[in-house]
Protein backbone atom coordinates (compact mmCIF):
# COMPACT_ATOMS: atom_id res chain seq x y z
CA MET A 1 -29.46 12.30 -15.82
CA ARG A 2 -30.25 11.79 -12.17
CA ILE A 3 -27.51 13.11 -9.89
CA LEU A 4 -27.55 12.72 -6.11
CA PHE A 5 -25.64 15.07 -3.83
CA ILE A 6 -25.14 14.96 -0.07
CA ILE A 7 -25.28 18.49 1.36
CA ALA A 8 -22.12 18.81 3.42
CA PHE A 9 -20.99 22.30 4.24
CA CYS A 10 -19.04 23.91 7.04
CA CYS A 11 -20.83 25.22 10.04
CA ASN A 12 -19.92 26.45 13.46
CA ASP A 13 -20.96 23.83 15.99
CA GLU A 14 -20.80 24.53 19.69
CA ARG A 15 -21.48 20.89 20.48
CA GLY A 16 -17.86 19.92 19.73
CA PHE A 17 -16.71 16.43 18.75
CA ALA A 18 -18.43 13.45 20.31
CA GLU A 19 -16.33 10.52 21.49
CA ASN A 20 -18.22 8.35 19.02
CA MET A 21 -18.62 10.35 15.85
CA VAL A 22 -21.00 7.80 14.32
CA GLU A 23 -23.30 5.35 16.08
CA ILE A 24 -25.25 2.69 14.20
CA LYS A 25 -27.93 0.97 16.29
CA ASN A 26 -29.93 -2.07 15.14
CA LEU A 27 -29.97 -0.84 11.54
CA THR A 28 -32.19 -2.93 9.24
CA LYS A 29 -33.26 -2.60 5.62
CA TYR A 30 -35.77 -4.79 3.78
CA TYR A 31 -36.40 -4.76 0.03
CA GLY A 32 -39.85 -6.32 -0.02
CA THR A 33 -39.37 -9.50 2.01
CA HIS A 34 -35.61 -9.67 1.38
CA PRO A 35 -33.43 -8.40 4.27
CA ALA A 36 -30.47 -6.56 2.70
CA VAL A 37 -29.17 -5.44 6.13
CA LYS A 38 -30.23 -7.19 9.33
CA ASP A 39 -29.96 -5.56 12.77
CA ILE A 40 -26.38 -4.26 12.58
CA SER A 41 -24.76 -2.06 15.20
CA PHE A 42 -21.29 -0.49 15.37
CA THR A 43 -19.59 2.80 16.23
CA VAL A 44 -16.87 4.93 14.62
CA GLY A 45 -14.66 7.01 16.91
CA ASP A 46 -13.52 10.58 16.33
CA HIS A 47 -10.74 10.80 13.69
CA GLU A 48 -10.87 7.04 13.16
CA VAL A 49 -10.53 5.29 9.80
CA LEU A 50 -12.86 2.29 9.91
CA GLY A 51 -12.58 -0.40 7.26
CA PHE A 52 -15.99 -1.68 6.17
CA LEU A 53 -15.38 -5.07 4.58
CA GLY A 54 -17.57 -7.54 2.78
CA PRO A 55 -17.94 -9.48 -0.47
CA ASN A 56 -20.07 -8.13 -3.29
CA GLY A 57 -23.73 -8.08 -2.26
CA ALA A 58 -22.92 -8.15 1.46
CA GLY A 59 -24.86 -4.94 2.22
CA LYS A 60 -21.99 -2.41 2.34
CA SER A 61 -23.43 0.14 -0.08
CA THR A 62 -26.93 -0.23 1.37
CA THR A 63 -25.55 0.55 4.84
CA MET A 64 -23.64 3.57 3.58
CA ASN A 65 -26.68 4.89 1.75
CA MET A 66 -28.68 4.65 5.00
CA ILE A 67 -25.94 6.42 6.99
CA THR A 68 -25.90 9.30 4.51
CA GLY A 69 -29.69 9.57 4.33
CA CYS A 70 -29.82 8.57 0.64
CA LEU A 71 -31.89 5.53 1.60
CA PRO A 72 -34.40 5.27 4.46
CA SER A 73 -33.94 2.39 6.88
CA THR A 74 -36.70 -0.07 7.71
CA SER A 75 -35.76 0.20 11.38
CA GLY A 76 -32.87 1.23 13.61
CA THR A 77 -31.08 4.53 14.11
CA VAL A 78 -28.06 6.36 12.70
CA LEU A 79 -26.47 9.05 14.88
CA VAL A 80 -23.82 11.34 13.38
CA ASP A 81 -22.18 13.71 15.85
CA GLY A 82 -25.21 13.16 18.09
CA TYR A 83 -27.83 13.95 15.41
CA ASP A 84 -30.36 11.33 14.29
CA ILE A 85 -30.51 10.98 10.49
CA SER A 86 -34.28 10.37 10.61
CA LYS A 87 -35.01 13.41 12.81
CA ASP A 88 -32.32 15.89 11.75
CA PRO A 89 -31.32 14.89 8.20
CA ILE A 90 -30.04 18.35 7.27
CA GLU A 91 -27.78 18.57 10.32
CA VAL A 92 -26.38 15.11 9.56
CA LYS A 93 -25.78 15.91 5.89
CA LYS A 94 -23.96 19.10 6.83
CA ARG A 95 -21.34 16.89 8.42
CA ILE A 96 -21.00 14.31 5.65
CA GLY A 97 -18.84 14.08 2.55
CA TYR A 98 -19.84 11.08 0.45
CA LEU A 99 -18.02 9.38 -2.40
CA PRO A 100 -20.34 6.70 -3.84
CA GLU A 101 -18.95 3.73 -5.75
CA ILE A 102 -20.01 5.50 -8.97
CA PRO A 103 -19.03 9.19 -8.57
CA PRO A 104 -22.01 11.55 -9.16
CA VAL A 105 -20.36 13.78 -11.74
CA TYR A 106 -21.85 15.65 -14.70
CA PRO A 107 -19.94 14.33 -17.74
CA ASP A 108 -20.71 17.39 -19.87
CA MET A 109 -19.21 19.88 -17.37
CA ARG A 110 -15.58 20.88 -16.98
CA VAL A 111 -13.78 19.86 -13.79
CA ARG A 112 -13.47 23.30 -12.16
CA GLU A 113 -16.97 24.28 -13.31
CA TYR A 114 -18.43 21.11 -11.77
CA LEU A 115 -16.59 21.49 -8.45
CA THR A 116 -17.61 25.15 -8.17
CA PHE A 117 -21.21 24.14 -8.87
CA ALA A 118 -21.03 21.34 -6.26
CA ALA A 119 -19.57 23.75 -3.69
CA GLY A 120 -22.57 26.02 -4.23
CA LEU A 121 -24.96 23.10 -3.71
CA LYS A 122 -23.16 22.29 -0.49
CA GLY A 123 -23.66 25.81 0.80
CA VAL A 124 -20.00 26.86 0.77
CA ALA A 125 -19.81 30.65 1.11
CA ARG A 126 -19.28 32.37 -2.23
CA ASN A 127 -16.04 34.07 -1.12
CA ASP A 128 -14.63 30.70 0.02
CA ARG A 129 -15.59 28.52 -2.96
CA GLN A 130 -12.57 29.21 -5.14
CA LYS A 131 -10.15 28.45 -2.31
CA GLN A 132 -11.88 25.18 -1.43
CA VAL A 133 -12.10 24.06 -5.06
CA GLU A 134 -8.41 24.76 -5.64
CA ASN A 135 -7.47 22.99 -2.41
CA ALA A 136 -9.52 19.91 -3.35
CA MET A 137 -8.05 19.79 -6.87
CA GLU A 138 -4.53 20.09 -5.48
CA ARG A 139 -5.06 17.31 -2.94
CA LEU A 140 -6.42 14.98 -5.64
CA HIS A 141 -3.84 16.03 -8.25
CA ILE A 142 -6.42 17.12 -10.82
CA THR A 143 -5.39 20.76 -11.21
CA ASP A 144 -3.83 19.97 -14.60
CA VAL A 145 -7.20 18.73 -15.95
CA GLN A 146 -9.38 21.45 -14.40
CA LYS A 147 -10.43 22.83 -17.81
CA ARG A 148 -11.21 19.46 -19.37
CA ILE A 149 -14.71 18.04 -19.86
CA ILE A 150 -15.33 15.32 -17.26
CA GLY A 151 -16.83 12.92 -19.79
CA ASN A 152 -13.52 12.91 -21.70
CA LEU A 153 -11.48 11.94 -18.62
CA SER A 154 -10.35 8.42 -17.77
CA LYS A 155 -12.25 6.45 -15.15
CA GLY A 156 -9.44 7.07 -12.65
CA TYR A 157 -9.62 10.84 -13.13
CA ARG A 158 -13.43 10.83 -12.85
CA GLN A 159 -13.01 8.94 -9.56
CA ARG A 160 -10.65 11.65 -8.32
CA VAL A 161 -13.08 14.39 -9.33
CA GLY A 162 -15.78 12.67 -7.28
CA PHE A 163 -13.37 12.40 -4.35
CA ALA A 164 -12.61 16.13 -4.62
CA MET A 165 -16.35 16.86 -4.54
CA ALA A 166 -16.66 14.87 -1.29
CA LEU A 167 -14.00 17.06 0.35
CA LEU A 168 -15.75 20.33 -0.45
CA GLY A 169 -17.18 22.02 2.63
CA SER A 170 -14.63 20.36 4.97
CA PRO A 171 -17.12 17.79 6.34
CA LYS A 172 -16.28 16.15 9.65
CA PHE A 173 -17.24 12.72 8.38
CA LEU A 174 -16.23 11.09 5.09
CA ILE A 175 -17.85 7.99 3.61
CA LEU A 176 -15.75 6.45 0.85
CA ASP A 177 -17.36 3.58 -1.05
CA GLU A 178 -14.68 1.74 -3.06
CA PRO A 179 -12.58 4.93 -3.58
CA THR A 180 -9.73 3.18 -5.43
CA VAL A 181 -11.86 1.50 -8.11
CA GLY A 182 -10.39 2.16 -11.54
CA LEU A 183 -7.14 3.69 -10.28
CA ASP A 184 -3.69 2.52 -11.35
CA PRO A 185 -1.19 1.32 -8.67
CA THR A 186 0.47 4.73 -8.35
CA GLN A 187 -2.89 6.47 -7.92
CA VAL A 188 -3.96 3.83 -5.36
CA MET A 189 -0.89 4.62 -3.25
CA GLU A 190 -1.69 8.34 -3.50
CA VAL A 191 -5.26 7.70 -2.28
CA ARG A 192 -3.93 5.65 0.63
CA ARG A 193 -1.67 8.51 1.69
CA LEU A 194 -4.53 10.97 1.23
CA ILE A 195 -6.85 8.93 3.47
CA GLN A 196 -4.19 8.72 6.17
CA ASP A 197 -3.70 12.48 5.92
CA LEU A 198 -7.44 13.17 5.99
CA ALA A 199 -7.80 11.15 9.20
CA ARG A 200 -6.15 14.04 11.06
CA GLU A 201 -9.19 16.20 10.30
CA HIS A 202 -11.99 13.74 9.51
CA THR A 203 -13.69 10.58 10.69
CA ILE A 204 -13.72 8.08 7.81
CA ILE A 205 -15.58 4.93 6.83
CA PHE A 206 -13.66 3.25 4.05
CA SER A 207 -15.61 0.54 2.23
CA THR A 208 -13.86 -2.00 0.03
CA HIS A 209 -13.48 -5.68 -0.76
CA ILE A 210 -9.73 -5.24 -1.41
CA LEU A 211 -8.10 -6.40 1.82
CA ALA A 212 -4.71 -4.81 1.10
CA GLU A 213 -6.38 -1.39 1.09
CA VAL A 214 -7.84 -1.90 4.55
CA THR A 215 -4.60 -3.24 5.99
CA ALA A 216 -2.76 -0.20 4.65
CA VAL A 217 -5.01 2.54 6.09
CA CYS A 218 -7.17 1.08 8.89
CA GLU A 219 -6.61 -0.17 12.41
CA ARG A 220 -10.16 -1.44 13.02
CA VAL A 221 -12.56 -3.18 10.68
CA VAL A 222 -16.17 -4.30 10.50
CA ILE A 223 -16.75 -7.40 8.36
CA ILE A 224 -20.27 -7.78 6.98
CA ASN A 225 -21.75 -10.63 4.97
CA LYS A 226 -25.32 -11.31 3.86
CA GLY A 227 -26.48 -8.20 5.71
CA GLN A 228 -25.08 -9.22 9.10
CA ILE A 229 -21.92 -8.23 10.97
CA ARG A 230 -19.56 -11.20 11.24
CA ALA A 231 -16.76 -9.45 13.14
CA GLU A 232 -15.77 -6.06 14.55
CA ASP A 233 -12.29 -5.52 16.03
CA THR A 234 -8.77 -4.31 15.34
CA ILE A 235 -6.94 -6.04 12.51
CA ALA A 236 -4.35 -7.40 14.97
CA ASN A 237 -7.01 -8.96 17.21
CA LEU A 238 -8.87 -10.47 14.26
CA GLU A 239 -5.72 -12.01 12.85
CA ALA A 240 -4.89 -13.47 16.28
CA SER A 241 -8.40 -14.91 16.62
CA VAL A 242 -8.29 -17.08 13.50
CA GLY A 243 -6.81 -20.00 15.40
CA GLY A 244 -6.58 -23.38 13.73
CA ASP A 245 -3.47 -25.44 13.04
CA LEU A 246 0.01 -23.94 13.02
CA LYS A 247 1.71 -23.50 9.65
CA LEU A 248 5.41 -23.35 8.83
CA CYS A 249 7.06 -22.13 5.65
CA LEU A 250 10.33 -23.86 4.77
CA LYS A 251 12.79 -23.11 1.97
CA VAL A 252 14.73 -26.30 1.35
CA GLU A 253 17.51 -27.15 -1.07
CA GLY A 254 17.09 -30.70 -2.36
CA GLU A 255 15.19 -32.95 -4.71
CA ILE A 256 11.52 -31.96 -4.46
CA THR A 257 10.02 -35.46 -4.19
CA LYS A 258 12.54 -36.54 -1.55
CA VAL A 259 12.03 -33.39 0.53
CA THR A 260 8.23 -33.66 0.30
CA ASP A 261 8.30 -37.30 1.51
CA LEU A 262 10.65 -36.44 4.39
CA ILE A 263 8.44 -33.59 5.55
CA ARG A 264 5.21 -35.57 5.18
CA ASN A 265 6.55 -38.53 7.15
CA THR A 266 7.84 -36.50 10.11
CA ASP A 267 5.89 -37.00 13.34
CA GLY A 268 3.65 -34.03 14.06
CA VAL A 269 3.32 -32.93 10.43
CA ILE A 270 -0.37 -32.87 9.49
CA SER A 271 -0.07 -32.00 5.81
CA VAL A 272 2.06 -30.42 3.11
CA ASP A 273 -0.30 -27.71 1.88
CA GLU A 274 1.69 -26.01 -0.86
CA VAL A 275 4.95 -26.38 -2.77
CA GLU A 276 6.38 -23.50 -4.83
CA PHE A 277 9.53 -23.13 -6.89
CA ASP A 278 11.88 -20.58 -5.31
CA SER A 279 15.16 -20.85 -7.23
CA GLN A 280 17.32 -23.47 -8.90
CA GLY A 281 17.23 -26.55 -6.65
CA VAL A 282 15.29 -24.69 -3.91
CA ASN A 283 11.56 -25.00 -3.19
CA ALA A 284 9.26 -23.38 -0.63
CA PHE A 285 6.96 -25.69 1.36
CA THR A 286 3.94 -24.57 3.39
CA VAL A 287 3.36 -27.20 6.05
CA THR A 288 0.61 -27.63 8.65
CA VAL A 289 2.01 -28.98 11.94
CA ALA A 290 0.50 -30.00 15.26
CA SER A 291 2.64 -27.61 17.32
CA GLU A 292 5.73 -25.40 17.32
CA ALA A 293 7.65 -28.34 18.81
CA VAL A 294 7.66 -30.06 15.40
CA ARG A 295 10.06 -27.42 14.05
CA LYS A 296 13.23 -28.90 15.60
CA PRO A 297 12.79 -32.59 14.63
CA LEU A 298 11.66 -31.55 11.16
CA MET A 299 14.85 -29.55 10.60
CA SER A 300 17.00 -32.31 12.07
CA ARG A 301 15.50 -34.94 9.78
CA LEU A 302 15.96 -32.85 6.65
CA ILE A 303 19.58 -31.97 7.49
CA ALA A 304 20.35 -35.62 8.30
CA GLU A 305 19.18 -36.56 4.80
CA ASP A 306 21.43 -33.89 3.17
CA CYS A 307 18.54 -31.51 2.50
CA MET A 308 19.70 -28.02 3.41
CA VAL A 309 17.09 -25.91 5.26
CA LEU A 310 17.72 -22.35 4.12
CA GLU A 311 14.81 -20.73 5.94
CA ILE A 312 11.98 -21.72 8.28
CA THR A 313 9.31 -19.29 9.47
CA THR A 314 5.91 -19.43 11.12
CA VAL A 315 3.11 -18.43 8.77
CA LYS A 316 1.09 -15.70 10.47
CA SER A 317 -2.66 -15.53 9.99
CA SER A 318 -3.71 -12.55 7.88
CA LEU A 319 -6.82 -10.45 7.50
CA GLU A 320 -7.47 -12.46 4.34
CA ASP A 321 -7.65 -15.66 6.44
CA VAL A 322 -10.17 -13.99 8.75
CA PHE A 323 -12.23 -12.72 5.83
CA VAL A 324 -12.32 -16.11 4.09
CA LYS A 325 -13.19 -17.93 7.29
CA LEU A 326 -16.04 -15.58 8.19
CA THR A 327 -17.57 -15.36 4.72
CA SER A 328 -16.98 -18.88 3.37
CA SER A 329 -18.97 -20.49 6.19
CA SER A 330 -21.83 -18.16 5.39
CA ARG A 331 -21.65 -19.05 1.71
CA ALA A 332 -21.64 -22.75 2.60
CA GLN A 333 -24.69 -22.18 4.74
CA SER A 334 -26.29 -20.32 1.86
CA ARG A 335 -25.75 -23.29 -0.42
CA GLU A 336 -27.33 -25.58 2.17
CA ASP A 337 -30.27 -23.20 2.49
CA ALA A 338 -30.62 -23.07 -1.29
CA LEU A 339 -30.64 -26.86 -1.56
CA GLU A 340 -33.20 -27.12 1.23
CA GLU A 341 -35.36 -24.49 -0.46
CA LEU A 342 -35.06 -26.35 -3.77
CA GLY A 343 -36.12 -29.56 -2.07
CA LYS A 344 -39.17 -27.85 -0.61
CA GLU A 345 -40.10 -26.46 -4.03
CA LEU A 346 -39.77 -29.88 -5.64
CA ASP A 347 -41.88 -31.48 -2.89
CA ALA A 348 -44.55 -28.80 -3.32
CA GLN A 349 -44.50 -29.27 -7.09
CA ARG A 350 -44.80 -33.04 -6.69
CA GLU A 351 -47.71 -32.67 -4.27
CA ALA A 352 -49.44 -30.25 -6.66
CA GLU A 353 -49.02 -32.69 -9.55
CA GLU A 354 -50.38 -35.58 -7.47
CA ALA A 355 -53.35 -33.46 -6.36
CA ALA A 356 -54.02 -32.53 -10.00
CA LYS A 357 -53.88 -36.19 -11.02
CA LYS A 358 -56.30 -37.14 -8.25
CA ALA A 359 -58.64 -34.33 -9.22
CA GLY A 360 -58.45 -35.39 -12.87
CA SER A 361 -59.06 -39.02 -11.97
CA ALA A 362 -62.06 -38.10 -9.82
CA GLU A 363 -63.48 -35.96 -12.63
CA GLN A 364 -62.97 -38.82 -15.09
CA ASP A 365 -64.72 -41.27 -12.76
CA LYS A 366 -67.61 -38.84 -12.37
CA THR A 367 -67.88 -38.42 -16.15
CA SER A 368 -67.84 -42.18 -16.68
CA ALA A 369 -70.55 -42.67 -14.06
CA ASN A 370 -72.72 -40.03 -15.75
CA GLU A 371 -72.24 -41.70 -19.14
CA GLU A 372 -73.18 -45.13 -17.74
CA LYS A 373 -76.30 -43.66 -16.11
CA GLU A 374 -77.34 -41.98 -19.37
CA ALA A 375 -76.78 -45.29 -21.21
CA GLU A 376 -79.04 -47.14 -18.75
CA ASP A 377 -81.76 -44.51 -19.14
């Protein structure tokens, strides 16, 4: 079984913390002719938790593997605490704790045995290994399974063992690739609290496609899709930048068809986007309006028609709206590109078939001419 470890052990460093703990500059990775990551650049500040967002296949894991030195880049640079991964890989890996999406654990080893072994690989001093292993197990709440064989643990517990391994050696920088995969809701909340606690001592890149996780633990995010960065900013700024039409959410007591018609026929209402049952006789309506000024006449009209407005609020744009907007346009473009590529392939196939027919016809004409000549002779 092939197991990959990132060497990440403590060391005395007179350089101190840099303002930007991690700097990614024009990072690119090609697999053959396919660009998995294309010219991306971003920074991660000291003690910052950066959310690295993207749909499946966006290039998140490829980027993380390049940052950790597990995968060489085609071009670009990765600087960790001022060290270049391509020039000083050992110095970079001393400062990194990495939790891949699939934790690199030995299933036939016991938990404590494995963590002690991993601490040795990371260069943790022999007299400090037991303390670090116990501290990591306590933080991940796996002390009670320390004597169990890893292969017999649940997926959630194996994930926690991998997380504990990443903490060994007290690395300055943690890369967590989908750290909550396979965990139950209670365990997910524990990991969130752990990440927030770890931010006091570590710089963290937290990769996920679960937006609630990012909102809970991060202030700034990088959104990547199809190997390119689509946005980089604080969550608040990204949510404010979505723009578009204003939406109101109304809870109205009244007959649903009547209320829907009243709302739809009010000046300034663009559309009734969603209707949901709230309670007996009460429904929630999500309405797109031209401006905030529509709120007052809309309420007045409903009340005048004996429809009681119990609640009216402005629907705030969320990180999910930003994510969908930035990635759906790319997917639409991808479909257009695919159709164009298909058209080119069909045209090329048609041209090849026509050329083959012409060649066959010319060969047949030549054969017929030769037969006629032989007949004359």
